[in-house]
Amino acid sequence: MLLPLLFATFFDGAVFGTYVTETGPQRPEHRAFSTNWFIVGAEHDFTRRASILGRARFTFEPFTIPLEGYPQLLQSISPRSGGPLTDHMRAHDLIEEVAVGLEWRPIQLYLAPIGEPPLGAEPFAQRPSSIDFAEAPFAYDAQESFHLATRVASVVLTSKIADIEYGVFHASQSTGRHTNIDDGDIDSWSARLTIAPQSKLSAQVSSGRLTEAKRKISSASASYNGIFFAASAIWTKNDDLTAYGLEMTIRLGAGTIVGRAENIRQRTHTTVGYIFDIVRTHTQRAGVGINIDYHGNTRALEPVYGHKPQSVYTFVRWRTEGITRRASP
């Protein structure tokens, strides 16, 4: 009974119920699945400068996505990202974060047995410019796979102009059903500089060394997160793999237009989509939508994928709207 009096609680989440159809390959797949994620947490301000935050992020995707992943033509997930998978996208891990953040402005401390190291742009599922896409970016293998780690400890120096972060962690990676936790000794580090973190327009540069092999990750991105328009430009170099991406979301009343263009492995991928919200309140949205994937530089792949391979995702989507959640400790 005392918890609501002492702590301000918050909840955020999204659920997609999707059916995908493919054209091009000799044996196209047609399958239903669900992507989803949820964030719960609580925070308490001791003074105007001091606070504590607890946060957990999880998903039911290990049970709503097939073991072999959901169909996504020309997607490629390497073993270091939880694969190997070809033409399929993996489920996210059952538990993605259990963390506590301590703040005594201008210093923050982030501690997580399972959590996110200070490396790269915000994960695509929660990124404002990407939150309304039904499927993952094709740059996942290079751009997204390092967001989950164990034994994370990071320190942040904050200001209105810039945040400077440094962290150490174990570079965790699950396989199979993605319900297990790959734990181990701390073997990785990363650092990130975010410019104008308290503005609608921001940019980040980050670098890290992962595992005992010291695999090098470098990332740079710029984002605009407005009420009606959000966009991100992201560059990532993950060891020998480089990815470029540009994505945007435009909200026009009950309608939402999404677009994403990517280049990875010498191929271009374009996704366009539209969502119409049947239910829209100040705390949630629920509607129906469609996303279509197009691919370039695929002529050499015609014997396997046919002429102009394409995936169409039709879906129903519910997600929270306008709920304040702390994205950093």
C-alpha atoms as a PDB file:
ATOM      1  CA  MET A   1       0.000   0.000   0.000  1.00  0.00           C
ATOM      2  CA  LEU A   2       2.941   2.311   0.626  1.00  0.00           C
ATOM      3  CA  LEU A   3       4.556   1.751  -2.786  1.00  0.00           C
ATOM      4  CA  PRO A   4       2.284   4.155  -4.747  1.00  0.00           C
ATOM      5  CA  LEU A   5       2.921   6.806  -2.085  1.00  0.00           C
ATOM      6  CA  LEU A   6       6.690   6.450  -2.258  1.00  0.00           C
ATOM      7  CA  PHE A   7       7.268   5.613  -5.913  1.00  0.00           C
ATOM      8  CA  ALA A   8       5.855   6.909  -9.191  1.00  0.00           C
ATOM      9  CA  THR A   9       5.162   3.826 -11.328  1.00  0.00           C
ATOM     10  CA  PHE A  10       5.037   3.625 -15.118  1.00  0.00           C
ATOM     11  CA  PHE A  11       4.167   1.128 -17.857  1.00  0.00           C
ATOM     12  CA  ASP A  12       4.823   1.132 -21.586  1.00  0.00           C
ATOM     13  CA  GLY A  13       4.281  -1.487 -24.258  1.00  0.00           C
ATOM     14  CA  ALA A  14       3.220  -2.577 -27.726  1.00  0.00           C
ATOM     15  CA  VAL A  15       1.650  -5.695 -29.284  1.00  0.00           C
ATOM     16  CA  PHE A  16       1.488  -6.530 -33.008  1.00  0.00           C
ATOM     17  CA  GLY A  17      -0.592  -9.405 -34.360  1.00  0.00           C
ATOM     18  CA  THR A  18       0.803  -9.925 -37.874  1.00  0.00           C
ATOM     19  CA  TYR A  19       0.231 -12.079 -40.950  1.00  0.00           C
ATOM     20  CA  VAL A  20       2.985 -12.087 -43.580  1.00  0.00           C
ATOM     21  CA  THR A  21       2.721 -13.130 -47.233  1.00  0.00           C
ATOM     22  CA  GLU A  22       5.706 -13.490 -49.582  1.00  0.00           C
ATOM     23  CA  THR A  23       6.092 -13.350 -53.349  1.00  0.00           C
ATOM     24  CA  GLY A  24       9.143 -14.246 -55.421  1.00  0.00           C
ATOM     25  CA  PRO A  25      10.663 -17.469 -54.016  1.00  0.00           C
ATOM     26  CA  GLN A  26       9.589 -20.845 -55.327  1.00  0.00           C
ATOM     27  CA  ARG A  27       8.334 -21.722 -51.841  1.00  0.00           C
ATOM     28  CA  PRO A  28       7.012 -18.503 -50.297  1.00  0.00           C
ATOM     29  CA  GLU A  29       5.979 -18.542 -46.649  1.00  0.00           C
ATOM     30  CA  HIS A  30       2.694 -17.300 -45.209  1.00  0.00           C
ATOM     31  CA  ARG A  31       2.537 -17.174 -41.432  1.00  0.00           C
ATOM     32  CA  ALA A  32       0.914 -15.457 -38.449  1.00  0.00           C
ATOM     33  CA  PHE A  33       2.987 -14.303 -35.486  1.00  0.00           C
ATOM     34  CA  SER A  34       3.159 -11.597 -32.823  1.00  0.00           C
ATOM     35  CA  THR A  35       5.920  -9.168 -31.899  1.00  0.00           C
ATOM     36  CA  ASN A  36       5.572  -7.418 -28.549  1.00  0.00           C
ATOM     37  CA  TRP A  37       7.411  -5.712 -25.712  1.00  0.00           C
ATOM     38  CA  PHE A  38       6.608  -4.287 -22.290  1.00  0.00           C
ATOM     39  CA  ILE A  39       8.368  -1.960 -19.852  1.00  0.00           C
ATOM     40  CA  VAL A  40       7.450  -1.576 -16.185  1.00  0.00           C
ATOM     41  CA  GLY A  41       9.160   0.492 -13.556  1.00  0.00           C
ATOM     42  CA  ALA A  42       9.052   2.862 -10.638  1.00  0.00           C
ATOM     43  CA  GLU A  43      11.055   5.864  -9.547  1.00  0.00           C
ATOM     44  CA  HIS A  44      11.360   8.051  -6.490  1.00  0.00           C
ATOM     45  CA  ASP A  45      12.835  11.519  -6.114  1.00  0.00           C
ATOM     46  CA  PHE A  46      14.598  12.011  -2.799  1.00  0.00           C
ATOM     47  CA  THR A  47      15.430  15.641  -3.554  1.00  0.00           C
ATOM     48  CA  ARG A  48      15.484  17.813  -6.682  1.00  0.00           C
ATOM     49  CA  ARG A  49      18.919  16.353  -7.451  1.00  0.00           C
ATOM     50  CA  ALA A  50      18.725  12.786  -6.150  1.00  0.00           C
ATOM     51  CA  SER A  51      16.498   9.922  -7.348  1.00  0.00           C
ATOM     52  CA  ILE A  52      16.308   6.156  -7.775  1.00  0.00           C
ATOM     53  CA  LEU A  53      14.769   4.266 -10.690  1.00  0.00           C
ATOM     54  CA  GLY A  54      13.916   0.593 -11.143  1.00  0.00           C
ATOM     55  CA  ARG A  55      12.978  -0.729 -14.592  1.00  0.00           C
ATOM     56  CA  ALA A  56      12.273  -4.061 -16.286  1.00  0.00           C
ATOM     57  CA  ARG A  57      11.750  -4.825 -19.979  1.00  0.00           C
ATOM     58  CA  PHE A  58      10.441  -8.145 -21.275  1.00  0.00           C
ATOM     59  CA  THR A  59       8.667  -9.767 -24.212  1.00  0.00           C
ATOM     60  CA  PHE A  60       6.544 -12.852 -24.931  1.00  0.00           C
ATOM     61  CA  GLU A  61       8.073 -13.260 -28.402  1.00  0.00           C
ATOM     62  CA  PRO A  62       9.783 -16.584 -27.537  1.00  0.00           C
ATOM     63  CA  PHE A  63       6.240 -17.990 -27.329  1.00  0.00           C
ATOM     64  CA  THR A  64       4.545 -15.944 -30.098  1.00  0.00           C
ATOM     65  CA  ILE A  65       7.238 -16.337 -32.783  1.00  0.00           C
ATOM     66  CA  PRO A  66       8.246 -19.733 -34.230  1.00  0.00           C
ATOM     67  CA  LEU A  67      11.548 -21.290 -33.140  1.00  0.00           C
ATOM     68  CA  GLU A  68      12.982 -20.633 -36.605  1.00  0.00           C
ATOM     69  CA  GLY A  69      11.883 -16.987 -36.478  1.00  0.00           C
ATOM     70  CA  TYR A  70       9.197 -15.167 -38.436  1.00  0.00           C
ATOM     71  CA  PRO A  71       9.485 -14.883 -42.249  1.00  0.00           C
ATOM     72  CA  GLN A  72      11.420 -11.879 -43.567  1.00  0.00           C
ATOM     73  CA  LEU A  73      12.875 -12.263 -47.055  1.00  0.00           C
ATOM     74  CA  LEU A  74      16.600 -11.417 -47.367  1.00  0.00           C
ATOM     75  CA  GLN A  75      17.041 -10.998 -43.620  1.00  0.00           C
ATOM     76  CA  SER A  76      20.292 -12.540 -42.343  1.00  0.00           C
ATOM     77  CA  ILE A  77      21.094 -13.188 -38.680  1.00  0.00           C
ATOM     78  CA  SER A  78      24.600 -14.454 -37.929  1.00  0.00           C
ATOM     79  CA  PRO A  79      25.500 -16.770 -35.009  1.00  0.00           C
ATOM     80  CA  ARG A  80      26.938 -13.814 -33.078  1.00  0.00           C
ATOM     81  CA  SER A  81      23.453 -12.241 -33.168  1.00  0.00           C
ATOM     82  CA  GLY A  82      21.509 -15.329 -32.087  1.00  0.00           C
ATOM     83  CA  GLY A  83      21.309 -17.135 -35.446  1.00  0.00           C
ATOM     84  CA  PRO A  84      22.164 -18.436 -37.892  1.00  0.00           C
ATOM     85  CA  LEU A  85      18.958 -17.492 -39.701  1.00  0.00           C
ATOM     86  CA  THR A  86      18.280 -16.735 -43.362  1.00  0.00           C
ATOM     87  CA  ASP A  87      15.043 -15.137 -44.591  1.00  0.00           C
ATOM     88  CA  HIS A  88      13.792 -15.119 -40.996  1.00  0.00           C
ATOM     89  CA  MET A  89      13.964 -12.790 -38.007  1.00  0.00           C
ATOM     90  CA  ARG A  90      14.596 -14.102 -34.488  1.00  0.00           C
ATOM     91  CA  ALA A  91      12.499 -13.467 -31.394  1.00  0.00           C
ATOM     92  CA  HIS A  92      13.745 -11.052 -28.766  1.00  0.00           C
ATOM     93  CA  ASP A  93      14.860 -12.428 -25.418  1.00  0.00           C
ATOM     94  CA  LEU A  94      12.204 -13.180 -22.804  1.00  0.00           C
ATOM     95  CA  ILE A  95      13.878 -10.838 -20.294  1.00  0.00           C
ATOM     96  CA  GLU A  96      15.754  -7.907 -21.797  1.00  0.00           C
ATOM     97  CA  GLU A  97      16.340  -5.695 -18.774  1.00  0.00           C
ATOM     98  CA  VAL A  98      16.219  -5.748 -14.991  1.00  0.00           C
ATOM     99  CA  ALA A  99      17.990  -2.616 -13.829  1.00  0.00           C
ATOM    100  CA  VAL A 100      18.307   0.046 -11.177  1.00  0.00           C
ATOM    101  CA  GLY A 101      19.495   3.589 -11.751  1.00  0.00           C
ATOM    102  CA  LEU A 102      20.804   5.954  -9.103  1.00  0.00           C
ATOM    103  CA  GLU A 103      21.123   9.657  -9.794  1.00  0.00           C
ATOM    104  CA  TRP A 104      22.809  12.480  -7.944  1.00  0.00           C
ATOM    105  CA  ARG A 105      22.853  15.180 -10.577  1.00  0.00           C
ATOM    106  CA  PRO A 106      24.964  15.454 -12.638  1.00  0.00           C
ATOM    107  CA  ILE A 107      26.082  11.832 -12.053  1.00  0.00           C
ATOM    108  CA  GLN A 108      24.047   8.703 -12.796  1.00  0.00           C
ATOM    109  CA  LEU A 109      24.885   5.079 -12.013  1.00  0.00           C
ATOM    110  CA  TYR A 110      23.229   2.211 -13.911  1.00  0.00           C
ATOM    111  CA  LEU A 111      23.427  -1.360 -12.566  1.00  0.00           C
ATOM    112  CA  ALA A 112      21.753  -4.306 -14.282  1.00  0.00           C
ATOM    113  CA  PRO A 113      22.140  -8.094 -14.016  1.00  0.00           C
ATOM    114  CA  ILE A 114      20.432  -7.985 -17.432  1.00  0.00           C
ATOM    115  CA  GLY A 115      20.416  -4.682 -19.249  1.00  0.00           C
ATOM    116  CA  GLU A 116      21.582  -2.395 -22.009  1.00  0.00           C
ATOM    117  CA  PRO A 117      25.155  -1.130 -22.396  1.00  0.00           C
ATOM    118  CA  PRO A 118      25.796   2.475 -23.499  1.00  0.00           C
ATOM    119  CA  LEU A 119      26.296   1.619 -27.154  1.00  0.00           C
ATOM    120  CA  GLY A 120      24.466   2.645 -30.326  1.00  0.00           C
ATOM    121  CA  ALA A 121      21.073   4.224 -30.891  1.00  0.00           C
ATOM    122  CA  GLU A 122      17.987   3.262 -28.875  1.00  0.00           C
ATOM    123  CA  PRO A 123      16.682  -0.247 -29.760  1.00  0.00           C
ATOM    124  CA  PHE A 124      14.368  -0.203 -32.785  1.00  0.00           C
ATOM    125  CA  ALA A 125      11.314  -1.541 -30.932  1.00  0.00           C
ATOM    126  CA  GLN A 126      11.247   1.477 -28.593  1.00  0.00           C
ATOM    127  CA  ARG A 127      12.772   4.092 -30.928  1.00  0.00           C
ATOM    128  CA  PRO A 128      10.162   6.804 -31.711  1.00  0.00           C
ATOM    129  CA  SER A 129      11.001   6.730 -35.437  1.00  0.00           C
ATOM    130  CA  SER A 130      10.654   2.926 -35.568  1.00  0.00           C
ATOM    131  CA  ILE A 131       8.055   2.053 -32.936  1.00  0.00           C
ATOM    132  CA  ASP A 132       5.197   1.593 -35.455  1.00  0.00           C
ATOM    133  CA  PHE A 133       6.958  -0.896 -37.775  1.00  0.00           C
ATOM    134  CA  ALA A 134       5.632  -4.444 -37.625  1.00  0.00           C
ATOM    135  CA  GLU A 135       8.994  -6.031 -38.540  1.00  0.00           C
ATOM    136  CA  ALA A 136      12.630  -5.574 -37.609  1.00  0.00           C
ATOM    137  CA  PRO A 137      15.153  -3.585 -39.661  1.00  0.00           C
ATOM    138  CA  PHE A 138      17.343  -5.515 -42.091  1.00  0.00           C
ATOM    139  CA  ALA A 139      20.340  -3.942 -40.355  1.00  0.00           C
ATOM    140  CA  TYR A 140      19.543  -5.908 -37.178  1.00  0.00           C
ATOM    141  CA  ASP A 141      22.662  -8.086 -37.409  1.00  0.00           C
ATOM    142  CA  ALA A 142      24.941  -5.036 -37.429  1.00  0.00           C
ATOM    143  CA  GLN A 143      22.858  -2.416 -35.668  1.00  0.00           C
ATOM    144  CA  GLU A 144      20.726  -4.049 -32.974  1.00  0.00           C
ATOM    145  CA  SER A 145      22.193  -7.326 -31.763  1.00  0.00           C
ATOM    146  CA  PHE A 146      24.507  -5.853 -29.091  1.00  0.00           C
ATOM    147  CA  HIS A 147      21.790  -4.131 -27.020  1.00  0.00           C
ATOM    148  CA  LEU A 148      21.412  -7.010 -24.542  1.00  0.00           C
ATOM    149  CA  ALA A 149      24.126  -7.694 -21.968  1.00  0.00           C
ATOM    150  CA  THR A 150      24.546  -9.059 -18.456  1.00  0.00           C
ATOM    151  CA  ARG A 151      26.447  -7.678 -15.454  1.00  0.00           C
ATOM    152  CA  VAL A 152      26.151  -4.141 -16.801  1.00  0.00           C
ATOM    153  CA  ALA A 153      27.652  -1.309 -14.760  1.00  0.00           C
ATOM    154  CA  SER A 154      27.839   2.149 -16.273  1.00  0.00           C
ATOM    155  CA  VAL A 155      28.347   5.712 -15.109  1.00  0.00           C
ATOM    156  CA  VAL A 156      26.911   8.802 -16.801  1.00  0.00           C
ATOM    157  CA  LEU A 157      27.856  12.453 -16.534  1.00  0.00           C
ATOM    158  CA  THR A 158      24.808  14.485 -17.568  1.00  0.00           C
ATOM    159  CA  SER A 159      23.961  18.018 -18.613  1.00  0.00           C
ATOM    160  CA  LYS A 160      21.372  19.736 -20.787  1.00  0.00           C
ATOM    161  CA  ILE A 161      23.894  19.893 -23.626  1.00  0.00           C
ATOM    162  CA  ALA A 162      25.530  16.455 -23.504  1.00  0.00           C
ATOM    163  CA  ASP A 163      25.655  13.075 -21.739  1.00  0.00           C
ATOM    164  CA  ILE A 164      28.911  11.110 -21.464  1.00  0.00           C
ATOM    165  CA  GLU A 165      28.597   7.401 -20.598  1.00  0.00           C
ATOM    166  CA  TYR A 166      31.024   4.567 -19.938  1.00  0.00           C
ATOM    167  CA  GLY A 167      30.156   0.989 -19.063  1.00  0.00           C
ATOM    168  CA  VAL A 168      31.504  -2.518 -18.627  1.00  0.00           C
ATOM    169  CA  PHE A 169      29.482  -5.712 -19.154  1.00  0.00           C
ATOM    170  CA  HIS A 170      29.334  -9.288 -20.398  1.00  0.00           C
ATOM    171  CA  ALA A 171      28.357  -9.432 -24.087  1.00  0.00           C
ATOM    172  CA  SER A 172      25.421 -11.809 -23.781  1.00  0.00           C
ATOM    173  CA  GLN A 173      23.769 -13.692 -26.644  1.00  0.00           C
ATOM    174  CA  SER A 174      20.935 -16.222 -26.449  1.00  0.00           C
ATOM    175  CA  THR A 175      20.038 -18.895 -28.999  1.00  0.00           C
ATOM    176  CA  GLY A 176      17.216 -21.314 -29.699  1.00  0.00           C
ATOM    177  CA  ARG A 177      13.968 -20.290 -28.034  1.00  0.00           C
ATOM    178  CA  HIS A 178      15.656 -17.188 -26.464  1.00  0.00           C
ATOM    179  CA  THR A 179      14.360 -17.895 -22.977  1.00  0.00           C
ATOM    180  CA  ASN A 180      17.795 -18.627 -21.526  1.00  0.00           C
ATOM    181  CA  ILE A 181      20.256 -16.095 -20.114  1.00  0.00           C
ATOM    182  CA  ASP A 182      23.823 -16.236 -21.400  1.00  0.00           C
ATOM    183  CA  ASP A 183      25.802 -15.010 -18.401  1.00  0.00           C
ATOM    184  CA  GLY A 184      29.540 -14.848 -17.851  1.00  0.00           C
ATOM    185  CA  ASP A 185      32.411 -12.733 -16.653  1.00  0.00           C
ATOM    186  CA  ILE A 186      32.674  -9.077 -17.671  1.00  0.00           C
ATOM    187  CA  ASP A 187      34.473  -9.110 -21.020  1.00  0.00           C
ATOM    188  CA  SER A 188      33.340  -5.922 -22.814  1.00  0.00           C
ATOM    189  CA  TRP A 189      33.234  -2.139 -22.533  1.00  0.00           C
ATOM    190  CA  SER A 190      31.589   0.752 -24.374  1.00  0.00           C
ATOM    191  CA  ALA A 191      31.370   4.544 -24.290  1.00  0.00           C
ATOM    192  CA  ARG A 192      28.810   6.956 -25.736  1.00  0.00           C
ATOM    193  CA  LEU A 193      28.498  10.694 -26.188  1.00  0.00           C
ATOM    194  CA  THR A 194      24.985  12.075 -26.693  1.00  0.00           C
ATOM    195  CA  ILE A 195      24.610  15.682 -27.816  1.00  0.00           C
ATOM    196  CA  ALA A 196      21.472  17.631 -26.749  1.00  0.00           C
ATOM    197  CA  PRO A 197      19.856  14.655 -24.929  1.00  0.00           C
ATOM    198  CA  GLN A 198      17.034  16.825 -23.536  1.00  0.00           C
ATOM    199  CA  SER A 199      16.076  18.253 -26.944  1.00  0.00           C
ATOM    200  CA  LYS A 200      13.812  16.908 -29.687  1.00  0.00           C
ATOM    201  CA  LEU A 201      16.902  16.924 -31.924  1.00  0.00           C
ATOM    202  CA  SER A 202      19.830  14.840 -30.698  1.00  0.00           C
ATOM    203  CA  ALA A 203      22.846  12.875 -31.908  1.00  0.00           C
ATOM    204  CA  GLN A 204      25.066  10.155 -30.511  1.00  0.00           C
ATOM    205  CA  VAL A 205      28.461   8.637 -31.249  1.00  0.00           C
ATOM    206  CA  SER A 206      29.596   5.496 -29.488  1.00  0.00           C
ATOM    207  CA  SER A 207      32.212   2.777 -29.578  1.00  0.00           C
ATOM    208  CA  GLY A 208      32.769  -0.529 -27.830  1.00  0.00           C
ATOM    209  CA  ARG A 209      34.841  -3.696 -27.668  1.00  0.00           C
ATOM    210  CA  LEU A 210      32.864  -6.917 -27.220  1.00  0.00           C
ATOM    211  CA  THR A 211      33.911 -10.321 -25.847  1.00  0.00           C
ATOM    212  CA  GLU A 212      37.453 -11.590 -25.345  1.00  0.00           C
ATOM    213  CA  ALA A 213      37.941 -11.259 -29.105  1.00  0.00           C
ATOM    214  CA  LYS A 214      37.493  -7.464 -28.673  1.00  0.00           C
ATOM    215  CA  ARG A 215      35.057  -7.232 -31.565  1.00  0.00           C
ATOM    216  CA  LYS A 216      34.834  -3.553 -32.488  1.00  0.00           C
ATOM    217  CA  ILE A 217      31.489  -1.738 -32.639  1.00  0.00           C
ATOM    218  CA  SER A 218      31.170   1.867 -33.820  1.00  0.00           C
ATOM    219  CA  SER A 219      27.908   3.788 -34.149  1.00  0.00           C
ATOM    220  CA  ALA A 220      26.703   7.278 -35.009  1.00  0.00           C
ATOM    221  CA  SER A 221      23.127   8.509 -35.296  1.00  0.00           C
ATOM    222  CA  ALA A 222      20.967  11.618 -35.363  1.00  0.00           C
ATOM    223  CA  SER A 223      17.304  11.730 -34.349  1.00  0.00           C
ATOM    224  CA  TYR A 224      14.368  14.094 -34.271  1.00  0.00           C
ATOM    225  CA  ASN A 225      11.542  13.048 -31.943  1.00  0.00           C
ATOM    226  CA  GLY A 226       8.529  15.316 -32.280  1.00  0.00           C
ATOM    227  CA  ILE A 227       4.854  14.736 -31.536  1.00  0.00           C
ATOM    228  CA  PHE A 228       3.809  14.424 -35.182  1.00  0.00           C
ATOM    229  CA  PHE A 229       7.122  13.531 -36.823  1.00  0.00           C
ATOM    230  CA  ALA A 230      10.067  11.350 -35.801  1.00  0.00           C
ATOM    231  CA  ALA A 231      13.124  10.430 -37.867  1.00  0.00           C
ATOM    232  CA  SER A 232      16.501   8.747 -37.360  1.00  0.00           C
ATOM    233  CA  ALA A 233      19.624   8.364 -39.474  1.00  0.00           C
ATOM    234  CA  ILE A 234      21.891   5.573 -38.219  1.00  0.00           C
ATOM    235  CA  TRP A 235      25.350   4.334 -39.213  1.00  0.00           C
ATOM    236  CA  THR A 236      26.820   1.230 -37.600  1.00  0.00           C
ATOM    237  CA  LYS A 237      30.048  -0.696 -38.158  1.00  0.00           C
ATOM    238  CA  ASN A 238      29.994  -4.058 -36.414  1.00  0.00           C
ATOM    239  CA  ASP A 239      33.418  -5.615 -36.935  1.00  0.00           C
ATOM    240  CA  ASP A 240      33.496  -6.186 -40.727  1.00  0.00           C
ATOM    241  CA  LEU A 241      29.787  -5.452 -41.318  1.00  0.00           C
ATOM    242  CA  THR A 242      28.575  -1.905 -42.081  1.00  0.00           C
ATOM    243  CA  ALA A 243      24.956  -0.730 -42.165  1.00  0.00           C
ATOM    244  CA  TYR A 244      23.274   2.548 -43.095  1.00  0.00           C
ATOM    245  CA  GLY A 245      19.667   3.346 -42.257  1.00  0.00           C
ATOM    246  CA  LEU A 246      17.144   6.160 -42.519  1.00  0.00           C
ATOM    247  CA  GLU A 247      13.658   5.842 -41.016  1.00  0.00           C
ATOM    248  CA  MET A 248      10.725   8.115 -40.277  1.00  0.00           C
ATOM    249  CA  THR A 249       7.237   8.124 -38.809  1.00  0.00           C
ATOM    250  CA  ILE A 250       4.592  10.743 -39.634  1.00  0.00           C
ATOM    251  CA  ARG A 251       1.437  10.919 -37.510  1.00  0.00           C
ATOM    252  CA  LEU A 252      -1.580  12.652 -39.039  1.00  0.00           C
ATOM    253  CA  GLY A 253      -4.515  12.328 -36.668  1.00  0.00           C
ATOM    254  CA  ALA A 254      -5.713   8.726 -36.785  1.00  0.00           C
ATOM    255  CA  GLY A 255      -3.265   7.825 -39.573  1.00  0.00           C
ATOM    256  CA  THR A 256       0.427   6.999 -39.322  1.00  0.00           C
ATOM    257  CA  ILE A 257       2.823   6.762 -42.279  1.00  0.00           C
ATOM    258  CA  VAL A 258       6.128   4.917 -41.852  1.00  0.00           C
ATOM    259  CA  GLY A 259       9.161   4.582 -44.106  1.00  0.00           C
ATOM    260  CA  ARG A 260      12.581   2.974 -43.783  1.00  0.00           C
ATOM    261  CA  ALA A 261      15.535   2.691 -46.195  1.00  0.00           C
ATOM    262  CA  GLU A 262      18.609   0.592 -45.425  1.00  0.00           C
ATOM    263  CA  ASN A 263      21.813  -0.588 -47.026  1.00  0.00           C
ATOM    264  CA  ILE A 264      23.658  -3.642 -45.755  1.00  0.00           C
ATOM    265  CA  ARG A 265      25.660  -6.416 -47.464  1.00  0.00           C
ATOM    266  CA  GLN A 266      25.635  -4.445 -50.748  1.00  0.00           C
ATOM    267  CA  ARG A 267      21.839  -4.598 -50.927  1.00  0.00           C
ATOM    268  CA  THR A 268      19.200  -1.928 -50.367  1.00  0.00           C
ATOM    269  CA  HIS A 269      15.966  -2.550 -48.497  1.00  0.00           C
ATOM    270  CA  THR A 270      12.973  -0.231 -48.394  1.00  0.00           C
ATOM    271  CA  THR A 271       9.905  -0.530 -46.175  1.00  0.00           C
ATOM    272  CA  VAL A 272       6.784   1.603 -46.449  1.00  0.00           C
ATOM    273  CA  GLY A 273       3.607   1.316 -44.428  1.00  0.00           C
ATOM    274  CA  TYR A 274       0.416   2.841 -43.093  1.00  0.00           C
ATOM    275  CA  ILE A 275      -1.577   2.403 -39.878  1.00  0.00           C
ATOM    276  CA  PHE A 276      -5.111   3.578 -39.212  1.00  0.00           C
ATOM    277  CA  ASP A 277      -5.959   3.838 -35.521  1.00  0.00           C
ATOM    278  CA  ILE A 278      -9.509   2.822 -34.717  1.00  0.00           C
ATOM    279  CA  VAL A 279      -9.000   3.624 -31.032  1.00  0.00           C
ATOM    280  CA  ARG A 280      -6.968   6.644 -30.002  1.00  0.00           C
ATOM    281  CA  THR A 281      -6.844   8.151 -26.520  1.00  0.00           C
ATOM    282  CA  HIS A 282      -4.245  10.154 -24.623  1.00  0.00           C
ATOM    283  CA  THR A 283      -2.801   6.897 -23.220  1.00  0.00           C
ATOM    284  CA  GLN A 284      -3.116   4.312 -26.023  1.00  0.00           C
ATOM    285  CA  ARG A 285      -3.607   3.586 -29.728  1.00  0.00           C
ATOM    286  CA  ALA A 286      -5.134   0.543 -31.423  1.00  0.00           C
ATOM    287  CA  GLY A 287      -5.477   0.086 -35.163  1.00  0.00           C
ATOM    288  CA  VAL A 288      -4.817  -1.896 -38.334  1.00  0.00           C
ATOM    289  CA  GLY A 289      -1.946  -1.477 -40.747  1.00  0.00           C
ATOM    290  CA  ILE A 290       0.215  -2.764 -43.565  1.00  0.00           C
ATOM    291  CA  ASN A 291       3.979  -2.770 -44.191  1.00  0.00           C
ATOM    292  CA  ILE A 292       5.586  -3.694 -47.521  1.00  0.00           C
ATOM    293  CA  ASP A 293       9.263  -4.619 -47.985  1.00  0.00           C
ATOM    294  CA  TYR A 294      11.048  -3.923 -51.277  1.00  0.00           C
ATOM    295  CA  HIS A 295      14.598  -4.968 -52.157  1.00  0.00           C
ATOM    296  CA  GLY A 296      17.245  -3.674 -54.569  1.00  0.00           C
ATOM    297  CA  ASN A 297      20.375  -5.218 -56.126  1.00  0.00           C
ATOM    298  CA  THR A 298      18.801  -8.696 -56.194  1.00  0.00           C
ATOM    299  CA  ARG A 299      19.233  -9.623 -59.871  1.00  0.00           C
ATOM    300  CA  ALA A 300      21.936 -12.152 -59.053  1.00  0.00           C
ATOM    301  CA  LEU A 301      19.520 -13.819 -56.614  1.00  0.00           C
ATOM    302  CA  GLU A 302      16.655 -14.354 -59.112  1.00  0.00           C
ATOM    303  CA  PRO A 303      17.184 -18.150 -59.369  1.00  0.00           C
ATOM    304  CA  VAL A 304      16.315 -18.415 -55.646  1.00  0.00           C
ATOM    305  CA  TYR A 305      14.161 -15.355 -54.898  1.00  0.00           C
ATOM    306  CA  GLY A 306      12.551 -14.694 -58.259  1.00  0.00           C
ATOM    307  CA  HIS A 307      11.953 -11.294 -59.836  1.00  0.00           C
ATOM    308  CA  LYS A 308      11.429  -8.491 -57.290  1.00  0.00           C
ATOM    309  CA  PRO A 309      11.008 -10.503 -54.053  1.00  0.00           C
ATOM    310  CA  GLN A 310       8.534  -8.883 -51.708  1.00  0.00           C
ATOM    311  CA  SER A 311       6.994  -9.364 -48.249  1.00  0.00           C
ATOM    312  CA  VAL A 312       3.662  -7.887 -47.166  1.00  0.00           C
ATOM    313  CA  TYR A 313       2.812  -7.615 -43.467  1.00  0.00           C
ATOM    314  CA  THR A 314      -0.808  -6.938 -42.493  1.00  0.00           C
ATOM    315  CA  PHE A 315      -1.398  -6.473 -38.800  1.00  0.00           C
ATOM    316  CA  VAL A 316      -3.391  -5.187 -35.869  1.00  0.00           C
ATOM    317  CA  ARG A 317      -1.439  -3.094 -33.403  1.00  0.00           C
ATOM    318  CA  TRP A 318      -1.974  -1.832 -29.860  1.00  0.00           C
ATOM    319  CA  ARG A 319       0.498   0.334 -28.011  1.00  0.00           C
ATOM    320  CA  THR A 320       0.684   2.887 -25.248  1.00  0.00           C
ATOM    321  CA  GLU A 321       0.635   6.562 -26.210  1.00  0.00           C
ATOM    322  CA  GLY A 322       2.014   9.623 -24.455  1.00  0.00           C
ATOM    323  CA  ILE A 323       3.101   7.740 -21.354  1.00  0.00           C
ATOM    324  CA  THR A 324       6.180   9.208 -19.704  1.00  0.00           C
ATOM    325  CA  ARG A 325       8.849   6.583 -19.172  1.00  0.00           C
ATOM    326  CA  ARG A 326      12.420   7.095 -18.157  1.00  0.00           C
ATOM    327  CA  ALA A 327      14.700   5.950 -20.974  1.00  0.00           C
ATOM    328  CA  SER A 328      17.844   6.404 -18.881  1.00  0.00           C
ATOM    329  CA  PRO A 329      18.623   5.706 -15.215  1.00  0.00           C
END
